[in-house]
Amino acid sequence: MTQAKVKQELEQRIALAKSGKDVLTALRLGKNDAARFLRFGHARLAAEDFDGAEAAGRIATTIAPDTAAGWQLLGVAQARARRSSAAIASFAKVTALAPDSVASWLHLAEAQLSVLDFKAAAASLEQAIKRDPKASTPEGLRAQMLVVEILSAHSGD
């Protein structure tokens, strides 16, 4: 199958998934198809098509529900589309599937902050920092910077 044909097929499936009419087709897809939807979803994110990325993430998580990458894609798409509650649920699933992922804990904390759930965000940031205490990754550094920002903002309280 040519790359153009694969892209066309994925776009058709995503359009059907957006309409809510493609559940049975998505359930019949194989595990290898999940990776195709992940790639397509990341391309949709890059094109700032957050609905398309979310649809691809939903299909990927339907095909392979125990794959953290699908839930991560879904959460990022939801967060960028400002669907914070949905993003929190997706990122919580990622942290359950990949508890050592600093990025996952950071994404969860950022989504929690977007709904002003400071207590939950603090707990998520603590988990991110626990996994990267020296801030040796960009995500670990961002987690520590967020803590500093939060503490600075509330230092006069």
C-alpha atoms as a PDB file:
ATOM      1  CA  MET A   1       0.000   0.000   0.000  1.00  0.00           C
ATOM      2  CA  THR A   2       1.449   3.381  -0.965  1.00  0.00           C
ATOM      3  CA  GLN A   3       2.000   6.100   1.621  1.00  0.00           C
ATOM      4  CA  ALA A   4      -0.629   8.295  -0.052  1.00  0.00           C
ATOM      5  CA  LYS A   5      -3.180   5.478   0.060  1.00  0.00           C
ATOM      6  CA  VAL A   6      -2.421   4.771   3.738  1.00  0.00           C
ATOM      7  CA  LYS A   7      -2.826   8.468   4.533  1.00  0.00           C
ATOM      8  CA  GLN A   8      -6.129   8.606   2.643  1.00  0.00           C
ATOM      9  CA  GLU A   9      -7.409   5.502   4.448  1.00  0.00           C
ATOM     10  CA  LEU A  10      -6.433   6.920   7.838  1.00  0.00           C
ATOM     11  CA  GLU A  11      -8.074  10.259   7.048  1.00  0.00           C
ATOM     12  CA  GLN A  12     -11.281   8.443   6.086  1.00  0.00           C
ATOM     13  CA  ARG A  13     -11.243   6.414   9.291  1.00  0.00           C
ATOM     14  CA  ILE A  14     -10.594   9.516  11.387  1.00  0.00           C
ATOM     15  CA  ALA A  15     -13.468  11.342   9.674  1.00  0.00           C
ATOM     16  CA  LEU A  16     -15.720   8.381  10.473  1.00  0.00           C
ATOM     17  CA  ALA A  17     -14.458   8.245  14.062  1.00  0.00           C
ATOM     18  CA  LYS A  18     -15.160  11.965  14.488  1.00  0.00           C
ATOM     19  CA  SER A  19     -18.728  11.300  13.402  1.00  0.00           C
ATOM     20  CA  GLY A  20     -18.979   8.455  15.928  1.00  0.00           C
ATOM     21  CA  LYS A  21     -19.897   5.886  13.254  1.00  0.00           C
ATOM     22  CA  ASP A  22     -16.648   3.906  13.092  1.00  0.00           C
ATOM     23  CA  VAL A  23     -16.548   2.066  16.432  1.00  0.00           C
ATOM     24  CA  LEU A  24     -16.955  -1.405  14.931  1.00  0.00           C
ATOM     25  CA  THR A  25     -14.270  -0.789  12.307  1.00  0.00           C
ATOM     26  CA  ALA A  26     -11.884   0.492  14.981  1.00  0.00           C
ATOM     27  CA  LEU A  27     -12.486  -2.611  17.079  1.00  0.00           C
ATOM     28  CA  ARG A  28     -11.581  -4.877  14.151  1.00  0.00           C
ATOM     29  CA  LEU A  29      -8.210  -3.244  13.571  1.00  0.00           C
ATOM     30  CA  GLY A  30      -5.024  -5.052  14.575  1.00  0.00           C
ATOM     31  CA  LYS A  31      -2.330  -3.963  17.037  1.00  0.00           C
ATOM     32  CA  ASN A  32      -0.059  -2.880  14.169  1.00  0.00           C
ATOM     33  CA  ASP A  33      -2.706  -0.380  13.116  1.00  0.00           C
ATOM     34  CA  ALA A  34      -2.354   1.412  16.470  1.00  0.00           C
ATOM     35  CA  ALA A  35       1.139   2.577  15.485  1.00  0.00           C
ATOM     36  CA  ARG A  36      -0.210   3.945  12.199  1.00  0.00           C
ATOM     37  CA  PHE A  37      -2.852   5.936  14.049  1.00  0.00           C
ATOM     38  CA  LEU A  38      -0.232   7.225  16.488  1.00  0.00           C
ATOM     39  CA  ARG A  39       1.912   8.500  13.614  1.00  0.00           C
ATOM     40  CA  PHE A  40      -1.099  10.052  11.959  1.00  0.00           C
ATOM     41  CA  GLY A  41      -2.210  11.607  15.264  1.00  0.00           C
ATOM     42  CA  HIS A  42       1.198  13.204  15.765  1.00  0.00           C
ATOM     43  CA  ALA A  43       1.003  14.601  12.243  1.00  0.00           C
ATOM     44  CA  ARG A  44      -2.430  16.030  13.072  1.00  0.00           C
ATOM     45  CA  LEU A  45      -0.995  17.616  16.237  1.00  0.00           C
ATOM     46  CA  ALA A  46       1.791  19.191  14.209  1.00  0.00           C
ATOM     47  CA  ALA A  47      -0.848  20.593  11.842  1.00  0.00           C
ATOM     48  CA  GLU A  48      -2.772  21.902  14.881  1.00  0.00           C
ATOM     49  CA  ASP A  49      -5.745  19.695  14.010  1.00  0.00           C
ATOM     50  CA  PHE A  50      -6.490  18.792  17.613  1.00  0.00           C
ATOM     51  CA  ASP A  51      -9.818  17.123  16.816  1.00  0.00           C
ATOM     52  CA  GLY A  52      -8.115  14.892  14.241  1.00  0.00           C
ATOM     53  CA  ALA A  53      -5.309  14.096  16.672  1.00  0.00           C
ATOM     54  CA  GLU A  54      -7.834  13.277  19.383  1.00  0.00           C
ATOM     55  CA  ALA A  55      -9.766  11.001  17.015  1.00  0.00           C
ATOM     56  CA  ALA A  56      -6.548   9.200  16.061  1.00  0.00           C
ATOM     57  CA  GLY A  57      -5.677   8.851  19.750  1.00  0.00           C
ATOM     58  CA  ARG A  58      -9.098   7.403  20.525  1.00  0.00           C
ATOM     59  CA  ILE A  59      -8.714   4.834  17.774  1.00  0.00           C
ATOM     60  CA  ALA A  60      -5.169   3.962  18.898  1.00  0.00           C
ATOM     61  CA  THR A  61      -6.330   3.497  22.514  1.00  0.00           C
ATOM     62  CA  THR A  62      -9.279   1.387  21.358  1.00  0.00           C
ATOM     63  CA  ILE A  63      -6.951  -0.874  19.390  1.00  0.00           C
ATOM     64  CA  ALA A  64      -4.201  -0.985  22.046  1.00  0.00           C
ATOM     65  CA  PRO A  65      -5.632   0.180  25.405  1.00  0.00           C
ATOM     66  CA  ASP A  66      -2.499  -0.773  27.334  1.00  0.00           C
ATOM     67  CA  THR A  67      -0.135   1.383  25.274  1.00  0.00           C
ATOM     68  CA  ALA A  68       0.894   4.568  27.072  1.00  0.00           C
ATOM     69  CA  ALA A  69       1.798   6.345  23.806  1.00  0.00           C
ATOM     70  CA  GLY A  70      -1.814   6.303  22.635  1.00  0.00           C
ATOM     71  CA  TRP A  71      -3.099   7.773  25.886  1.00  0.00           C
ATOM     72  CA  GLN A  72      -0.312  10.371  25.816  1.00  0.00           C
ATOM     73  CA  LEU A  73      -1.317  11.439  22.284  1.00  0.00           C
ATOM     74  CA  LEU A  74      -4.954  11.556  23.346  1.00  0.00           C
ATOM     75  CA  GLY A  75      -4.169  13.641  26.433  1.00  0.00           C
ATOM     76  CA  VAL A  76      -1.983  16.116  24.538  1.00  0.00           C
ATOM     77  CA  ALA A  77      -4.665  16.577  21.873  1.00  0.00           C
ATOM     78  CA  GLN A  78      -7.325  17.100  24.537  1.00  0.00           C
ATOM     79  CA  ALA A  79      -5.160  19.547  26.474  1.00  0.00           C
ATOM     80  CA  ARG A  80      -4.387  21.581  23.358  1.00  0.00           C
ATOM     81  CA  ALA A  81      -8.100  21.633  22.520  1.00  0.00           C
ATOM     82  CA  ARG A  82      -8.712  22.926  26.064  1.00  0.00           C
ATOM     83  CA  ARG A  83     -10.631  19.838  27.158  1.00  0.00           C
ATOM     84  CA  SER A  84      -8.843  19.748  30.489  1.00  0.00           C
ATOM     85  CA  SER A  85     -11.015  17.211  32.315  1.00  0.00           C
ATOM     86  CA  ALA A  86     -10.646  14.715  29.484  1.00  0.00           C
ATOM     87  CA  ALA A  87      -6.897  15.406  29.324  1.00  0.00           C
ATOM     88  CA  ILE A  88      -6.561  14.759  33.059  1.00  0.00           C
ATOM     89  CA  ALA A  89      -8.255  11.374  32.668  1.00  0.00           C
ATOM     90  CA  SER A  90      -6.003  10.456  29.722  1.00  0.00           C
ATOM     91  CA  PHE A  91      -2.805  11.552  31.481  1.00  0.00           C
ATOM     92  CA  ALA A  92      -3.851   9.662  34.634  1.00  0.00           C
ATOM     93  CA  LYS A  93      -4.096   6.539  32.467  1.00  0.00           C
ATOM     94  CA  VAL A  94      -0.591   7.224  31.090  1.00  0.00           C
ATOM     95  CA  THR A  95       0.879   7.542  34.599  1.00  0.00           C
ATOM     96  CA  ALA A  96      -0.743   4.218  35.521  1.00  0.00           C
ATOM     97  CA  LEU A  97       0.705   2.527  32.440  1.00  0.00           C
ATOM     98  CA  ALA A  98       4.125   4.236  32.566  1.00  0.00           C
ATOM     99  CA  PRO A  99       4.651   5.381  36.167  1.00  0.00           C
ATOM    100  CA  ASP A 100       8.325   6.233  35.597  1.00  0.00           C
ATOM    101  CA  SER A 101       7.580   8.705  32.787  1.00  0.00           C
ATOM    102  CA  VAL A 102       8.501  12.201  33.948  1.00  0.00           C
ATOM    103  CA  ALA A 103       6.720  13.700  30.929  1.00  0.00           C
ATOM    104  CA  SER A 104       3.489  11.940  31.836  1.00  0.00           C
ATOM    105  CA  TRP A 105       3.487  13.295  35.374  1.00  0.00           C
ATOM    106  CA  LEU A 106       4.337  16.760  34.058  1.00  0.00           C
ATOM    107  CA  HIS A 107       1.496  16.691  31.505  1.00  0.00           C
ATOM    108  CA  LEU A 108      -0.892  15.537  34.223  1.00  0.00           C
ATOM    109  CA  ALA A 109       0.210  18.376  36.521  1.00  0.00           C
ATOM    110  CA  GLU A 110      -0.186  20.976  33.773  1.00  0.00           C
ATOM    111  CA  ALA A 111      -3.708  19.736  33.004  1.00  0.00           C
ATOM    112  CA  GLN A 112      -4.560  19.815  36.713  1.00  0.00           C
ATOM    113  CA  LEU A 113      -3.233  23.372  36.962  1.00  0.00           C
ATOM    114  CA  SER A 114      -5.447  24.371  34.040  1.00  0.00           C
ATOM    115  CA  VAL A 115      -8.503  23.557  36.178  1.00  0.00           C
ATOM    116  CA  LEU A 116      -6.882  25.133  39.269  1.00  0.00           C
ATOM    117  CA  ASP A 117      -6.522  21.830  41.122  1.00  0.00           C
ATOM    118  CA  PHE A 118      -3.353  22.902  42.912  1.00  0.00           C
ATOM    119  CA  LYS A 119      -3.321  20.029  45.398  1.00  0.00           C
ATOM    120  CA  ALA A 120      -3.473  17.371  42.691  1.00  0.00           C
ATOM    121  CA  ALA A 121      -0.952  19.283  40.555  1.00  0.00           C
ATOM    122  CA  ALA A 122       1.459  19.485  43.493  1.00  0.00           C
ATOM    123  CA  ALA A 123       1.217  15.716  43.980  1.00  0.00           C
ATOM    124  CA  SER A 124       1.837  15.114  40.252  1.00  0.00           C
ATOM    125  CA  LEU A 125       4.800  17.514  40.204  1.00  0.00           C
ATOM    126  CA  GLU A 126       6.202  15.727  43.233  1.00  0.00           C
ATOM    127  CA  GLN A 127       6.044  12.443  41.305  1.00  0.00           C
ATOM    128  CA  ALA A 128       7.768  14.028  38.279  1.00  0.00           C
ATOM    129  CA  ILE A 129      10.553  15.483  40.421  1.00  0.00           C
ATOM    130  CA  LYS A 130      10.934  12.206  42.335  1.00  0.00           C
ATOM    131  CA  ARG A 131      11.684  10.511  39.004  1.00  0.00           C
ATOM    132  CA  ASP A 132      14.130  13.211  37.848  1.00  0.00           C
ATOM    133  CA  PRO A 133      15.472  14.920  40.985  1.00  0.00           C
ATOM    134  CA  LYS A 134      18.450  16.474  39.164  1.00  0.00           C
ATOM    135  CA  ALA A 135      16.268  17.924  36.382  1.00  0.00           C
ATOM    136  CA  SER A 136      18.355  16.094  33.804  1.00  0.00           C
ATOM    137  CA  THR A 137      15.522  16.059  31.247  1.00  0.00           C
ATOM    138  CA  PRO A 138      13.550  18.984  29.823  1.00  0.00           C
ATOM    139  CA  GLU A 139      10.439  17.609  31.530  1.00  0.00           C
ATOM    140  CA  GLY A 140      12.208  17.322  34.890  1.00  0.00           C
ATOM    141  CA  LEU A 141      13.457  20.879  34.574  1.00  0.00           C
ATOM    142  CA  ARG A 142       9.973  22.115  33.612  1.00  0.00           C
ATOM    143  CA  ALA A 143       8.474  20.335  36.653  1.00  0.00           C
ATOM    144  CA  GLN A 144      10.923  22.051  38.975  1.00  0.00           C
ATOM    145  CA  MET A 145      10.316  25.409  37.294  1.00  0.00           C
ATOM    146  CA  LEU A 146       6.561  25.006  37.750  1.00  0.00           C
ATOM    147  CA  VAL A 147       7.033  24.368  41.460  1.00  0.00           C
ATOM    148  CA  VAL A 148       9.118  27.531  41.744  1.00  0.00           C
ATOM    149  CA  GLU A 149       6.498  29.518  39.799  1.00  0.00           C
ATOM    150  CA  ILE A 150       3.698  28.240  42.037  1.00  0.00           C
ATOM    151  CA  LEU A 151       5.633  28.950  45.215  1.00  0.00           C
ATOM    152  CA  SER A 152       6.583  32.427  43.968  1.00  0.00           C
ATOM    153  CA  ALA A 153       2.996  33.231  43.062  1.00  0.00           C
ATOM    154  CA  HIS A 154       1.779  32.214  46.508  1.00  0.00           C
ATOM    155  CA  SER A 155       4.676  33.506  48.621  1.00  0.00           C
ATOM    156  CA  GLY A 156       2.732  36.601  49.665  1.00  0.00           C
ATOM    157  CA  ASP A 157      -0.342  34.612  50.781  1.00  0.00           C
END
